[in-house]
Amino acid sequence: SGFTHYVTDEMESCSPYSGFFLANDCANVTVKDCTFTAHRVTAQGTYDICPTRVTNLSFINCTQTNDICDPAYWGIFGSNFCKNMTLDGCTLSRFDAHQGVTNATVRNSTLGKDGMSMIGQGTILIENSTFYSNTIINLRSDYGSTWEGDVIIKNCTWIPNGGNELTTNAFSVIGGRINPFHYYGYECYMPKNITIEGLHVDDSKATSGYTSVYLLCNP
């Protein structure tokens, strides 16, 4: 509770970082009122938050020191094989589950340029939150864009492309792509039930190349 991690004097080219906050092989972890820092984009993933194999992990009222929509910085959050992860009252550039999560919840939060990047199972629940990403939920194509379960989105605001001009129709509530010629090692699923209530889409910066957003992308 109550710590701040600053990253200063990063150069244009820097090494990947596995995370300042690491939680591995444990349960019942709460991180609250903390501030993290996203790292400059590198050739590999570089994170400030990186839990692996954690059950019941909550981030409450956490934020980051840099702009959540700045493309010069990598998504601040990466995780693997976790269960019951929650963001509540957080402002972060991304909520990411690389190699699968069971149940993910975002409440009262703001997510930046990368939104939620997920694969896994169970329920994705999003309530009273704001997104600045091209998709609210990006089902990760490098892992087969699979979600075996339900998606619930309630009373949220979506501002595609970080509030910048919309010049294409490359924006969808749920995104993902699958290679039909590749075996991912498991069966891949589309969400079973999708429930959307009270979603406000702010596409006021539309140009002539834009007509609408999509519920689902073409996978």
C-alpha atoms as a PDB file:
ATOM      1  CA  SER A   1       0.000   0.000   0.000  1.00  0.00           C
ATOM      2  CA  GLY A   2       1.140   3.520  -0.824  1.00  0.00           C
ATOM      3  CA  PHE A   3       4.392   3.043  -2.719  1.00  0.00           C
ATOM      4  CA  THR A   4       5.527   4.821  -5.873  1.00  0.00           C
ATOM      5  CA  HIS A   5       7.999   3.454  -8.415  1.00  0.00           C
ATOM      6  CA  TYR A   6       9.653   6.012 -10.693  1.00  0.00           C
ATOM      7  CA  VAL A   7      11.662   5.220 -13.813  1.00  0.00           C
ATOM      8  CA  THR A   8      13.912   8.068 -14.938  1.00  0.00           C
ATOM      9  CA  ASP A   9      16.539   8.729 -17.588  1.00  0.00           C
ATOM     10  CA  GLU A  10      15.416   5.980 -19.958  1.00  0.00           C
ATOM     11  CA  MET A  11      17.039   6.372 -23.364  1.00  0.00           C
ATOM     12  CA  GLU A  12      15.416   5.772 -26.762  1.00  0.00           C
ATOM     13  CA  SER A  13      16.784   2.221 -26.794  1.00  0.00           C
ATOM     14  CA  CYS A  14      16.707   0.271 -23.537  1.00  0.00           C
ATOM     15  CA  SER A  15      16.552  -3.286 -22.245  1.00  0.00           C
ATOM     16  CA  PRO A  16      13.288  -5.135 -21.521  1.00  0.00           C
ATOM     17  CA  TYR A  17      12.244  -5.296 -17.875  1.00  0.00           C
ATOM     18  CA  SER A  18      10.347  -8.165 -16.248  1.00  0.00           C
ATOM     19  CA  GLY A  19       8.561  -6.001 -13.707  1.00  0.00           C
ATOM     20  CA  PHE A  20       9.000  -3.981 -10.526  1.00  0.00           C
ATOM     21  CA  PHE A  21       5.941  -5.583  -8.947  1.00  0.00           C
ATOM     22  CA  LEU A  22       6.230  -9.365  -9.257  1.00  0.00           C
ATOM     23  CA  ALA A  23       3.872 -11.833  -7.591  1.00  0.00           C
ATOM     24  CA  ASN A  24       4.479 -15.497  -8.411  1.00  0.00           C
ATOM     25  CA  ASP A  25       2.875 -18.748  -7.210  1.00  0.00           C
ATOM     26  CA  CYS A  26       0.754 -17.229  -4.453  1.00  0.00           C
ATOM     27  CA  ALA A  27      -2.794 -16.217  -3.502  1.00  0.00           C
ATOM     28  CA  ASN A  28      -4.828 -13.395  -1.952  1.00  0.00           C
ATOM     29  CA  VAL A  29      -2.709 -10.382  -2.944  1.00  0.00           C
ATOM     30  CA  THR A  30      -3.975  -6.780  -2.752  1.00  0.00           C
ATOM     31  CA  VAL A  31      -2.075  -3.781  -4.133  1.00  0.00           C
ATOM     32  CA  LYS A  32      -3.674  -0.412  -3.324  1.00  0.00           C
ATOM     33  CA  ASP A  33      -2.922   3.294  -3.564  1.00  0.00           C
ATOM     34  CA  CYS A  34       0.269   2.657  -5.526  1.00  0.00           C
ATOM     35  CA  THR A  35       1.842   4.396  -8.515  1.00  0.00           C
ATOM     36  CA  PHE A  36       3.838   2.640 -11.237  1.00  0.00           C
ATOM     37  CA  THR A  37       5.766   3.803 -14.301  1.00  0.00           C
ATOM     38  CA  ALA A  38       5.488   2.438 -17.836  1.00  0.00           C
ATOM     39  CA  HIS A  39       8.731   1.734 -19.700  1.00  0.00           C
ATOM     40  CA  ARG A  40       9.775   2.896 -23.154  1.00  0.00           C
ATOM     41  CA  VAL A  41       8.923   0.541 -26.015  1.00  0.00           C
ATOM     42  CA  THR A  42      11.580  -2.126 -26.621  1.00  0.00           C
ATOM     43  CA  ALA A  43      11.930  -5.053 -29.031  1.00  0.00           C
ATOM     44  CA  GLN A  44      10.476  -7.301 -26.295  1.00  0.00           C
ATOM     45  CA  GLY A  45       7.806  -6.796 -23.653  1.00  0.00           C
ATOM     46  CA  THR A  46       8.825  -4.551 -20.763  1.00  0.00           C
ATOM     47  CA  TYR A  47       6.577  -4.130 -17.738  1.00  0.00           C
ATOM     48  CA  ASP A  48       6.283  -2.567 -14.322  1.00  0.00           C
ATOM     49  CA  ILE A  49       3.600  -5.044 -13.175  1.00  0.00           C
ATOM     50  CA  CYS A  50       3.989  -8.748 -13.993  1.00  0.00           C
ATOM     51  CA  PRO A  51       2.222 -11.405 -11.849  1.00  0.00           C
ATOM     52  CA  THR A  52       2.335 -15.122 -12.727  1.00  0.00           C
ATOM     53  CA  ARG A  53       0.217 -17.964 -11.319  1.00  0.00           C
ATOM     54  CA  VAL A  54      -1.618 -15.865  -8.729  1.00  0.00           C
ATOM     55  CA  THR A  55      -5.147 -16.481  -7.454  1.00  0.00           C
ATOM     56  CA  ASN A  56      -7.235 -13.569  -6.121  1.00  0.00           C
ATOM     57  CA  LEU A  57      -5.147 -10.561  -7.149  1.00  0.00           C
ATOM     58  CA  SER A  58      -6.588  -7.055  -6.765  1.00  0.00           C
ATOM     59  CA  PHE A  59      -5.252  -3.631  -7.737  1.00  0.00           C
ATOM     60  CA  ILE A  60      -7.203  -0.850  -5.995  1.00  0.00           C
ATOM     61  CA  ASN A  61      -6.764   2.883  -6.713  1.00  0.00           C
ATOM     62  CA  CYS A  62      -3.498   2.400  -8.575  1.00  0.00           C
ATOM     63  CA  THR A  63      -2.163   4.646 -11.313  1.00  0.00           C
ATOM     64  CA  GLN A  64       0.970   5.379 -13.360  1.00  0.00           C
ATOM     65  CA  THR A  65       3.309   8.350 -13.648  1.00  0.00           C
ATOM     66  CA  ASN A  66       3.185   8.701 -17.458  1.00  0.00           C
ATOM     67  CA  ASP A  67       0.481   9.258 -20.070  1.00  0.00           C
ATOM     68  CA  ILE A  68      -1.689   6.141 -20.455  1.00  0.00           C
ATOM     69  CA  CYS A  69      -2.199   6.922 -24.158  1.00  0.00           C
ATOM     70  CA  ASP A  70       1.412   7.670 -25.139  1.00  0.00           C
ATOM     71  CA  PRO A  71       2.585   5.086 -27.744  1.00  0.00           C
ATOM     72  CA  ALA A  72       6.232   5.656 -26.755  1.00  0.00           C
ATOM     73  CA  TYR A  73       5.593   3.511 -23.684  1.00  0.00           C
ATOM     74  CA  TRP A  74       4.837  -0.206 -23.479  1.00  0.00           C
ATOM     75  CA  GLY A  75       1.672  -1.404 -21.762  1.00  0.00           C
ATOM     76  CA  ILE A  76       2.391  -1.295 -18.053  1.00  0.00           C
ATOM     77  CA  PHE A  77       0.723  -4.590 -17.089  1.00  0.00           C
ATOM     78  CA  GLY A  78       1.491  -8.160 -18.158  1.00  0.00           C
ATOM     79  CA  SER A  79       0.363 -11.378 -16.460  1.00  0.00           C
ATOM     80  CA  ASN A  80       0.369 -15.140 -16.988  1.00  0.00           C
ATOM     81  CA  PHE A  81      -1.837 -17.983 -15.733  1.00  0.00           C
ATOM     82  CA  CYS A  82      -3.696 -15.966 -13.060  1.00  0.00           C
ATOM     83  CA  LYS A  83      -7.194 -16.417 -11.628  1.00  0.00           C
ATOM     84  CA  ASN A  84      -9.651 -13.831 -10.298  1.00  0.00           C
ATOM     85  CA  MET A  85      -7.789 -10.617 -11.216  1.00  0.00           C
ATOM     86  CA  THR A  86      -9.441  -7.280 -10.459  1.00  0.00           C
ATOM     87  CA  LEU A  87      -8.726  -3.625 -11.207  1.00  0.00           C
ATOM     88  CA  ASP A  88     -10.860  -1.214  -9.170  1.00  0.00           C
ATOM     89  CA  GLY A  89     -10.422   2.543  -9.314  1.00  0.00           C
ATOM     90  CA  CYS A  90      -7.237   2.278 -11.390  1.00  0.00           C
ATOM     91  CA  THR A  91      -5.830   4.406 -14.215  1.00  0.00           C
ATOM     92  CA  LEU A  92      -3.367   2.349 -16.280  1.00  0.00           C
ATOM     93  CA  SER A  93      -2.364   1.976 -19.922  1.00  0.00           C
ATOM     94  CA  ARG A  94      -3.284  -1.717 -20.095  1.00  0.00           C
ATOM     95  CA  PHE A  95      -4.666  -4.778 -18.326  1.00  0.00           C
ATOM     96  CA  ASP A  96      -3.028  -7.783 -20.006  1.00  0.00           C
ATOM     97  CA  ALA A  97      -3.308 -11.557 -19.588  1.00  0.00           C
ATOM     98  CA  HIS A  98      -0.729 -13.045 -21.942  1.00  0.00           C
ATOM     99  CA  GLN A  99      -1.013 -16.775 -21.356  1.00  0.00           C
ATOM    100  CA  GLY A 100      -4.506 -16.954 -19.945  1.00  0.00           C
ATOM    101  CA  VAL A 101      -6.594 -15.774 -17.039  1.00  0.00           C
ATOM    102  CA  THR A 102      -9.674 -17.218 -15.349  1.00  0.00           C
ATOM    103  CA  ASN A 103     -12.084 -14.371 -14.525  1.00  0.00           C
ATOM    104  CA  ALA A 104     -11.031 -10.740 -15.016  1.00  0.00           C
ATOM    105  CA  THR A 105     -12.835  -7.713 -13.564  1.00  0.00           C
ATOM    106  CA  VAL A 106     -12.396  -3.984 -14.260  1.00  0.00           C
ATOM    107  CA  ARG A 107     -14.480  -1.522 -12.221  1.00  0.00           C
ATOM    108  CA  ASN A 108     -14.431   2.266 -11.868  1.00  0.00           C
ATOM    109  CA  SER A 109     -11.223   2.436 -13.883  1.00  0.00           C
ATOM    110  CA  THR A 110      -9.648   4.114 -16.902  1.00  0.00           C
ATOM    111  CA  LEU A 111      -7.548   2.109 -19.347  1.00  0.00           C
ATOM    112  CA  GLY A 112      -5.390   3.732 -21.997  1.00  0.00           C
ATOM    113  CA  LYS A 113      -4.087   2.924 -25.450  1.00  0.00           C
ATOM    114  CA  ASP A 114      -4.037  -0.890 -25.074  1.00  0.00           C
ATOM    115  CA  GLY A 115      -7.248  -1.497 -23.121  1.00  0.00           C
ATOM    116  CA  MET A 116      -7.768  -5.099 -22.016  1.00  0.00           C
ATOM    117  CA  SER A 117      -5.691  -7.743 -23.788  1.00  0.00           C
ATOM    118  CA  MET A 118      -6.950 -11.198 -22.829  1.00  0.00           C
ATOM    119  CA  ILE A 119      -7.231 -14.870 -23.462  1.00  0.00           C
ATOM    120  CA  GLY A 120      -8.678 -17.398 -21.043  1.00  0.00           C
ATOM    121  CA  GLN A 121     -11.935 -18.533 -19.547  1.00  0.00           C
ATOM    122  CA  GLY A 122     -14.670 -17.659 -17.091  1.00  0.00           C
ATOM    123  CA  THR A 123     -16.135 -14.145 -16.989  1.00  0.00           C
ATOM    124  CA  ILE A 124     -14.786 -10.795 -18.134  1.00  0.00           C
ATOM    125  CA  LEU A 125     -16.751  -8.169 -16.179  1.00  0.00           C
ATOM    126  CA  ILE A 126     -16.294  -4.465 -16.975  1.00  0.00           C
ATOM    127  CA  GLU A 127     -18.299  -1.811 -15.110  1.00  0.00           C
ATOM    128  CA  ASN A 128     -18.283   1.993 -14.877  1.00  0.00           C
ATOM    129  CA  SER A 129     -15.004   2.335 -16.732  1.00  0.00           C
ATOM    130  CA  THR A 130     -13.493   4.364 -19.589  1.00  0.00           C
ATOM    131  CA  PHE A 131     -11.364   3.038 -22.454  1.00  0.00           C
ATOM    132  CA  TYR A 132      -9.135   4.926 -24.910  1.00  0.00           C
ATOM    133  CA  SER A 133      -8.056   1.860 -26.911  1.00  0.00           C
ATOM    134  CA  ASN A 134      -8.938   0.663 -30.413  1.00  0.00           C
ATOM    135  CA  THR A 135     -10.762  -2.286 -28.849  1.00  0.00           C
ATOM    136  CA  ILE A 136     -12.220  -2.549 -25.368  1.00  0.00           C
ATOM    137  CA  ILE A 137     -11.200  -6.218 -25.195  1.00  0.00           C
ATOM    138  CA  ASN A 138      -8.448  -7.463 -27.475  1.00  0.00           C
ATOM    139  CA  LEU A 139      -8.440 -11.269 -27.542  1.00  0.00           C
ATOM    140  CA  ARG A 140      -4.744 -11.890 -28.137  1.00  0.00           C
ATOM    141  CA  SER A 141      -4.084 -13.245 -31.623  1.00  0.00           C
ATOM    142  CA  ASP A 142      -0.711 -14.717 -30.625  1.00  0.00           C
ATOM    143  CA  TYR A 143      -2.588 -17.161 -28.376  1.00  0.00           C
ATOM    144  CA  GLY A 144      -5.537 -17.914 -30.641  1.00  0.00           C
ATOM    145  CA  SER A 145      -7.908 -15.146 -29.494  1.00  0.00           C
ATOM    146  CA  THR A 146      -9.739 -17.614 -27.280  1.00  0.00           C
ATOM    147  CA  TRP A 147     -12.229 -16.816 -24.512  1.00  0.00           C
ATOM    148  CA  GLU A 148     -14.244 -19.721 -23.141  1.00  0.00           C
ATOM    149  CA  GLY A 149     -16.933 -17.966 -21.156  1.00  0.00           C
ATOM    150  CA  ASP A 150     -18.914 -14.759 -20.881  1.00  0.00           C
ATOM    151  CA  VAL A 151     -18.253 -11.058 -21.433  1.00  0.00           C
ATOM    152  CA  ILE A 152     -20.246  -8.404 -19.533  1.00  0.00           C
ATOM    153  CA  ILE A 153     -19.837  -4.665 -20.198  1.00  0.00           C
ATOM    154  CA  LYS A 154     -21.979  -2.240 -18.158  1.00  0.00           C
ATOM    155  CA  ASN A 155     -22.142   1.562 -18.035  1.00  0.00           C
ATOM    156  CA  CYS A 156     -18.832   2.262 -19.760  1.00  0.00           C
ATOM    157  CA  THR A 157     -17.424   4.937 -22.049  1.00  0.00           C
ATOM    158  CA  TRP A 158     -15.261   4.079 -25.046  1.00  0.00           C
ATOM    159  CA  ILE A 159     -13.155   6.717 -26.819  1.00  0.00           C
ATOM    160  CA  PRO A 160     -11.501   4.858 -29.731  1.00  0.00           C
ATOM    161  CA  ASN A 161      -7.969   5.701 -30.864  1.00  0.00           C
ATOM    162  CA  GLY A 162      -7.160   7.568 -27.695  1.00  0.00           C
ATOM    163  CA  GLY A 163      -9.423  10.466 -28.598  1.00  0.00           C
ATOM    164  CA  ASN A 164      -7.534  11.160 -31.836  1.00  0.00           C
ATOM    165  CA  GLU A 165      -9.094  11.407 -35.293  1.00  0.00           C
ATOM    166  CA  LEU A 166     -10.882   8.299 -36.567  1.00  0.00           C
ATOM    167  CA  THR A 167      -9.842   7.688 -40.165  1.00  0.00           C
ATOM    168  CA  THR A 168     -10.709   3.976 -40.597  1.00  0.00           C
ATOM    169  CA  ASN A 169     -13.229   1.440 -39.322  1.00  0.00           C
ATOM    170  CA  ALA A 170     -10.610  -0.598 -37.446  1.00  0.00           C
ATOM    171  CA  PHE A 171     -12.381  -0.279 -34.086  1.00  0.00           C
ATOM    172  CA  SER A 172     -14.347  -3.040 -32.385  1.00  0.00           C
ATOM    173  CA  VAL A 173     -15.693  -3.668 -28.897  1.00  0.00           C
ATOM    174  CA  ILE A 174     -14.073  -7.114 -29.018  1.00  0.00           C
ATOM    175  CA  GLY A 175     -11.079  -7.693 -31.276  1.00  0.00           C
ATOM    176  CA  GLY A 176      -8.995 -10.739 -32.154  1.00  0.00           C
ATOM    177  CA  ARG A 177      -7.682 -12.794 -35.003  1.00  0.00           C
ATOM    178  CA  ILE A 178      -6.970 -16.509 -35.439  1.00  0.00           C
ATOM    179  CA  ASN A 179      -4.712 -18.318 -37.896  1.00  0.00           C
ATOM    180  CA  PRO A 180      -6.719 -21.335 -39.120  1.00  0.00           C
ATOM    181  CA  PHE A 181      -3.525 -23.076 -40.279  1.00  0.00           C
ATOM    182  CA  HIS A 182      -1.820 -22.999 -36.888  1.00  0.00           C
ATOM    183  CA  TYR A 183      -2.458 -25.387 -33.973  1.00  0.00           C
ATOM    184  CA  TYR A 184      -2.265 -23.417 -30.737  1.00  0.00           C
ATOM    185  CA  GLY A 185      -2.127 -26.500 -28.507  1.00  0.00           C
ATOM    186  CA  TYR A 186      -5.750 -26.191 -27.351  1.00  0.00           C
ATOM    187  CA  GLU A 187      -9.223 -25.620 -28.720  1.00  0.00           C
ATOM    188  CA  CYS A 188     -10.009 -21.938 -29.321  1.00  0.00           C
ATOM    189  CA  TYR A 189     -13.383 -20.430 -28.370  1.00  0.00           C
ATOM    190  CA  MET A 190     -15.445 -17.363 -29.040  1.00  0.00           C
ATOM    191  CA  PRO A 191     -17.194 -15.854 -25.986  1.00  0.00           C
ATOM    192  CA  LYS A 192     -20.350 -17.804 -25.169  1.00  0.00           C
ATOM    193  CA  ASN A 193     -22.490 -14.850 -24.065  1.00  0.00           C
ATOM    194  CA  ILE A 194     -21.820 -11.139 -24.616  1.00  0.00           C
ATOM    195  CA  THR A 195     -23.883  -8.662 -22.572  1.00  0.00           C
ATOM    196  CA  ILE A 196     -23.534  -4.914 -23.195  1.00  0.00           C
ATOM    197  CA  GLU A 197     -25.593  -2.379 -21.245  1.00  0.00           C
ATOM    198  CA  GLY A 198     -25.137   1.386 -21.260  1.00  0.00           C
ATOM    199  CA  LEU A 199     -22.042   1.655 -23.466  1.00  0.00           C
ATOM    200  CA  HIS A 200     -21.363   5.214 -24.663  1.00  0.00           C
ATOM    201  CA  VAL A 201     -19.086   5.473 -27.717  1.00  0.00           C
ATOM    202  CA  ASP A 202     -17.449   8.865 -28.264  1.00  0.00           C
ATOM    203  CA  ASP A 203     -16.532   8.963 -31.956  1.00  0.00           C
ATOM    204  CA  SER A 204     -16.937  12.717 -32.292  1.00  0.00           C
ATOM    205  CA  LYS A 205     -13.599  13.038 -34.127  1.00  0.00           C
ATOM    206  CA  ALA A 206     -14.753  10.956 -37.087  1.00  0.00           C
ATOM    207  CA  THR A 207     -13.448  11.764 -40.576  1.00  0.00           C
ATOM    208  CA  SER A 208     -14.735  10.770 -44.012  1.00  0.00           C
ATOM    209  CA  GLY A 209     -12.881   7.437 -43.839  1.00  0.00           C
ATOM    210  CA  TYR A 210     -14.854   6.325 -40.775  1.00  0.00           C
ATOM    211  CA  THR A 211     -18.441   5.110 -40.656  1.00  0.00           C
ATOM    212  CA  SER A 212     -18.878   3.067 -37.474  1.00  0.00           C
ATOM    213  CA  VAL A 213     -17.385   0.836 -34.812  1.00  0.00           C
ATOM    214  CA  TYR A 214     -18.014  -2.925 -34.759  1.00  0.00           C
ATOM    215  CA  LEU A 215     -19.194  -5.239 -32.035  1.00  0.00           C
ATOM    216  CA  LEU A 216     -16.757  -7.924 -33.216  1.00  0.00           C
ATOM    217  CA  CYS A 217     -13.876  -7.742 -35.652  1.00  0.00           C
ATOM    218  CA  ASN A 218     -13.604 -10.225 -38.517  1.00  0.00           C
ATOM    219  CA  PRO A 219     -11.411 -12.956 -36.972  1.00  0.00           C
END
